[in-house]
């Protein structure tokens, strides 16, 4: 596992998501949580889905030196619970 992969693991990503929910920023995170829960997703699973979308964006920042792209993060949140960015095997 590379040092970049060690930067953000599941627990840290979930903590960031919980902080985003507490702060209400971005509001899209709370909207996504509510949408997922209203369609029958357990809260813990919804947090995991959101953490995956966040992890994807943070990976791009770390690996490519890119700026955090809020629009792409929002688009990935909109796609949940589908994760089209995950390669099918």
N, C-alpha and C. Protein backbone atom coordinates (compact mmCIF):
# COMPACT_ATOMS: atom_id res chain seq x y z
N UNK A 1 0.85 -1.18 0.00
CA UNK A 1 0.00 0.00 0.00
C UNK A 1 0.89 1.23 0.00
N UNK A 2 0.60 2.17 -0.89
CA UNK A 2 1.43 3.37 -0.98
C UNK A 2 1.08 4.35 0.13
N UNK A 3 1.96 5.32 0.32
CA UNK A 3 1.71 6.31 1.36
C UNK A 3 0.46 7.13 1.04
N UNK A 4 0.19 7.38 -0.25
CA UNK A 4 -1.03 8.10 -0.62
C UNK A 4 -2.27 7.32 -0.23
N UNK A 5 -2.24 6.00 -0.38
CA UNK A 5 -3.39 5.17 -0.01
C UNK A 5 -3.60 5.18 1.49
N UNK A 6 -2.51 5.38 2.24
CA UNK A 6 -2.61 5.40 3.69
C UNK A 6 -3.20 6.71 4.22
N UNK A 7 -3.22 7.75 3.39
CA UNK A 7 -3.67 9.06 3.86
C UNK A 7 -5.12 9.04 4.31
N UNK A 8 -5.97 8.40 3.54
CA UNK A 8 -7.39 8.41 3.84
C UNK A 8 -7.94 7.00 3.78
N UNK A 9 -8.19 6.44 4.93
CA UNK A 9 -8.82 5.14 5.02
C UNK A 9 -10.29 5.34 5.36
N UNK A 10 -11.04 4.26 5.38
CA UNK A 10 -12.47 4.33 5.59
C UNK A 10 -12.90 5.11 6.81
N UNK A 11 -12.27 4.86 7.95
CA UNK A 11 -12.67 5.56 9.18
C UNK A 11 -12.44 7.06 9.07
N UNK A 12 -11.33 7.46 8.46
CA UNK A 12 -11.05 8.89 8.31
C UNK A 12 -12.03 9.54 7.35
N UNK A 13 -12.35 8.83 6.28
CA UNK A 13 -13.31 9.37 5.32
C UNK A 13 -14.69 9.51 5.95
N UNK A 14 -15.10 8.51 6.71
CA UNK A 14 -16.40 8.59 7.39
C UNK A 14 -16.41 9.76 8.39
N UNK A 15 -15.29 9.98 9.07
CA UNK A 15 -15.21 11.10 10.01
C UNK A 15 -15.34 12.43 9.28
N UNK A 16 -14.71 12.55 8.14
CA UNK A 16 -14.83 13.78 7.35
C UNK A 16 -16.28 13.98 6.92
N UNK A 17 -16.93 12.91 6.47
CA UNK A 17 -18.33 13.00 6.06
C UNK A 17 -19.19 13.45 7.24
N UNK A 18 -18.97 12.86 8.41
CA UNK A 18 -19.74 13.26 9.60
C UNK A 18 -19.51 14.73 9.93
N UNK A 19 -18.27 15.19 9.76
CA UNK A 19 -17.97 16.61 9.98
C UNK A 19 -18.69 17.49 8.96
N UNK A 20 -18.73 17.05 7.72
CA UNK A 20 -19.45 17.80 6.69
C UNK A 20 -20.93 17.89 7.05
N UNK A 21 -21.49 16.80 7.57
CA UNK A 21 -22.89 16.79 7.97
C UNK A 21 -23.13 17.75 9.14
N UNK A 22 -22.25 17.70 10.12
CA UNK A 22 -22.38 18.57 11.29
C UNK A 22 -22.29 20.04 10.90
N UNK A 23 -21.35 20.35 10.01
CA UNK A 23 -21.13 21.74 9.59
C UNK A 23 -22.13 22.19 8.53
N UNK A 24 -22.81 21.23 7.91
CA UNK A 24 -23.74 21.57 6.83
C UNK A 24 -23.05 22.08 5.59
N UNK A 25 -21.81 21.65 5.41
CA UNK A 25 -21.01 22.13 4.28
C UNK A 25 -20.17 21.00 3.72
N UNK A 26 -20.39 20.63 2.49
CA UNK A 26 -21.39 21.15 1.57
C UNK A 26 -22.78 20.58 1.89
N UNK A 27 -23.79 21.35 1.64
CA UNK A 27 -25.16 20.94 1.93
C UNK A 27 -25.54 19.70 1.11
N UNK A 28 -24.88 19.51 -0.01
CA UNK A 28 -25.15 18.36 -0.88
C UNK A 28 -24.94 17.04 -0.14
N UNK A 29 -24.03 17.03 0.83
CA UNK A 29 -23.78 15.81 1.60
C UNK A 29 -25.01 15.44 2.42
N UNK A 30 -25.60 16.43 3.09
CA UNK A 30 -26.81 16.16 3.87
C UNK A 30 -27.96 15.77 2.96
N UNK A 31 -28.11 16.45 1.84
CA UNK A 31 -29.16 16.11 0.89
C UNK A 31 -29.01 14.67 0.39
N UNK A 32 -27.77 14.29 0.13
CA UNK A 32 -27.51 12.93 -0.35
C UNK A 32 -27.82 11.91 0.73
N UNK A 33 -27.42 12.19 1.96
CA UNK A 33 -27.72 11.28 3.06
C UNK A 33 -29.23 11.10 3.19
N UNK A 34 -29.97 12.19 3.18
CA UNK A 34 -31.43 12.12 3.32
C UNK A 34 -32.05 11.35 2.15
N UNK A 35 -31.58 11.61 0.94
CA UNK A 35 -32.12 10.91 -0.24
C UNK A 35 -31.88 9.42 -0.13
N UNK A 36 -30.67 9.04 0.23
CA UNK A 36 -30.35 7.62 0.33
C UNK A 36 -31.18 6.95 1.43
N UNK A 37 -31.31 7.61 2.56
CA UNK A 37 -32.08 7.03 3.66
C UNK A 37 -33.57 6.93 3.31
N UNK A 38 -34.08 7.91 2.58
CA UNK A 38 -35.49 7.88 2.19
C UNK A 38 -35.79 6.76 1.20
N UNK A 39 -34.76 6.28 0.52
CA UNK A 39 -34.96 5.18 -0.43
C UNK A 39 -34.57 3.84 0.18
N UNK A 40 -34.39 3.81 1.51
CA UNK A 40 -34.20 2.55 2.20
C UNK A 40 -32.78 2.17 2.55
N UNK A 41 -31.83 3.03 2.28
CA UNK A 41 -30.44 2.74 2.63
C UNK A 41 -30.23 3.05 4.12
N UNK A 42 -29.62 2.11 4.82
CA UNK A 42 -29.28 2.34 6.22
C UNK A 42 -28.31 3.52 6.31
N UNK A 43 -28.38 4.28 7.42
CA UNK A 43 -27.53 5.45 7.58
C UNK A 43 -26.05 5.09 7.45
N UNK A 44 -25.63 4.03 8.09
CA UNK A 44 -24.21 3.66 8.04
C UNK A 44 -23.77 3.32 6.62
N UNK A 45 -24.64 2.68 5.86
CA UNK A 45 -24.31 2.38 4.46
C UNK A 45 -24.27 3.66 3.63
N UNK A 46 -25.20 4.57 3.89
CA UNK A 46 -25.22 5.83 3.17
C UNK A 46 -23.93 6.63 3.44
N UNK A 47 -23.50 6.63 4.69
CA UNK A 47 -22.24 7.31 5.04
C UNK A 47 -21.08 6.66 4.28
N UNK A 48 -21.08 5.34 4.20
CA UNK A 48 -20.03 4.64 3.45
C UNK A 48 -20.05 5.03 1.97
N UNK A 49 -21.24 5.11 1.38
CA UNK A 49 -21.34 5.53 -0.03
C UNK A 49 -20.77 6.94 -0.21
N UNK A 50 -21.17 7.84 0.66
CA UNK A 50 -20.70 9.23 0.57
C UNK A 50 -19.19 9.27 0.76
N UNK A 51 -18.67 8.48 1.68
CA UNK A 51 -17.22 8.41 1.91
C UNK A 51 -16.49 7.93 0.66
N UNK A 52 -17.11 7.03 -0.10
CA UNK A 52 -16.49 6.57 -1.34
C UNK A 52 -16.39 7.71 -2.35
N UNK A 53 -17.45 8.50 -2.46
CA UNK A 53 -17.42 9.64 -3.39
C UNK A 53 -16.38 10.66 -2.95
N UNK A 54 -16.29 10.89 -1.65
CA UNK A 54 -15.28 11.81 -1.13
C UNK A 54 -13.88 11.27 -1.37
N UNK A 55 -13.68 10.00 -1.11
CA UNK A 55 -12.37 9.38 -1.31
C UNK A 55 -11.90 9.48 -2.74
N UNK A 56 -12.82 9.33 -3.67
CA UNK A 56 -12.47 9.46 -5.09
C UNK A 56 -11.93 10.85 -5.38
N UNK A 57 -12.60 11.86 -4.85
CA UNK A 57 -12.16 13.24 -5.09
C UNK A 57 -10.82 13.52 -4.39
N UNK A 58 -10.68 13.05 -3.18
CA UNK A 58 -9.42 13.27 -2.45
C UNK A 58 -8.25 12.53 -3.11
N UNK A 59 -8.53 11.37 -3.66
CA UNK A 59 -7.50 10.62 -4.38
C UNK A 59 -7.00 11.43 -5.57
N UNK A 60 -7.91 12.07 -6.27
CA UNK A 60 -7.52 12.91 -7.40
C UNK A 60 -6.66 14.08 -6.95
N UNK A 61 -7.01 14.68 -5.83
CA UNK A 61 -6.23 15.80 -5.29
C UNK A 61 -4.81 15.34 -4.94
N UNK A 62 -4.72 14.24 -4.21
CA UNK A 62 -3.42 13.75 -3.74
C UNK A 62 -2.56 13.22 -4.89
N UNK A 63 -3.15 12.40 -5.74
CA UNK A 63 -2.36 11.74 -6.78
C UNK A 63 -2.02 12.65 -7.95
N UNK A 64 -2.88 13.62 -8.22
CA UNK A 64 -2.68 14.46 -9.40
C UNK A 64 -2.37 15.91 -9.07
N UNK A 65 -2.31 16.23 -7.79
CA UNK A 65 -2.04 17.60 -7.40
C UNK A 65 -3.13 18.56 -7.84
N UNK A 66 -4.32 18.02 -8.01
CA UNK A 66 -5.44 18.83 -8.50
C UNK A 66 -6.11 19.57 -7.35
N UNK A 67 -6.90 20.56 -7.68
CA UNK A 67 -7.74 21.25 -6.71
C UNK A 67 -8.94 20.36 -6.43
N UNK A 68 -9.48 20.46 -5.21
CA UNK A 68 -10.71 19.75 -4.89
C UNK A 68 -11.80 20.30 -5.80
N UNK A 69 -12.47 19.39 -6.52
CA UNK A 69 -13.48 19.80 -7.49
C UNK A 69 -14.87 19.56 -6.89
N UNK A 70 -15.46 20.62 -6.36
CA UNK A 70 -16.77 20.52 -5.70
C UNK A 70 -17.86 20.06 -6.65
N UNK A 71 -17.80 20.49 -7.90
CA UNK A 71 -18.81 20.09 -8.87
C UNK A 71 -18.74 18.59 -9.16
N UNK A 72 -17.52 18.07 -9.29
CA UNK A 72 -17.37 16.64 -9.54
C UNK A 72 -17.80 15.84 -8.31
N UNK A 73 -17.46 16.32 -7.11
CA UNK A 73 -17.89 15.67 -5.88
C UNK A 73 -19.41 15.63 -5.82
N UNK A 74 -20.06 16.74 -6.15
CA UNK A 74 -21.53 16.80 -6.15
C UNK A 74 -22.12 15.83 -7.18
N UNK A 75 -21.50 15.75 -8.36
CA UNK A 75 -21.98 14.83 -9.39
C UNK A 75 -21.84 13.38 -8.92
N UNK A 76 -20.74 13.07 -8.25
CA UNK A 76 -20.56 11.72 -7.72
C UNK A 76 -21.58 11.42 -6.63
N UNK A 77 -21.88 12.42 -5.80
CA UNK A 77 -22.92 12.24 -4.79
C UNK A 77 -24.27 11.98 -5.45
N UNK A 78 -24.57 12.69 -6.53
CA UNK A 78 -25.83 12.50 -7.24
C UNK A 78 -25.96 11.09 -7.81
N UNK A 79 -24.84 10.47 -8.16
CA UNK A 79 -24.88 9.13 -8.76
C UNK A 79 -25.15 8.03 -7.74
N UNK A 80 -24.92 8.32 -6.46
CA UNK A 80 -25.09 7.30 -5.43
C UNK A 80 -26.54 6.84 -5.34
N UNK A 81 -26.83 5.56 -5.09
CA UNK A 81 -25.90 4.55 -4.61
C UNK A 81 -25.09 3.86 -5.70
N UNK A 82 -25.35 4.20 -6.96
CA UNK A 82 -24.50 3.66 -8.03
C UNK A 82 -23.14 4.31 -7.93
N UNK A 83 -22.12 3.58 -8.30
CA UNK A 83 -20.76 4.12 -8.30
C UNK A 83 -20.14 3.84 -9.67
N UNK A 84 -20.51 4.64 -10.67
CA UNK A 84 -20.06 4.37 -12.03
C UNK A 84 -18.55 4.48 -12.20
N UNK A 85 -17.87 5.10 -11.22
CA UNK A 85 -16.43 5.25 -11.32
C UNK A 85 -15.70 3.96 -10.93
N UNK A 86 -16.40 2.98 -10.37
CA UNK A 86 -15.79 1.71 -9.97
C UNK A 86 -15.79 0.79 -11.18
N UNK A 87 -14.61 0.26 -11.51
CA UNK A 87 -14.51 -0.67 -12.63
C UNK A 87 -15.19 -1.98 -12.28
N UNK A 88 -15.99 -2.45 -13.23
CA UNK A 88 -16.62 -3.76 -13.07
C UNK A 88 -15.59 -4.82 -13.43
N UNK A 89 -15.60 -5.91 -12.70
CA UNK A 89 -14.65 -7.00 -13.03
C UNK A 89 -15.38 -8.14 -13.64
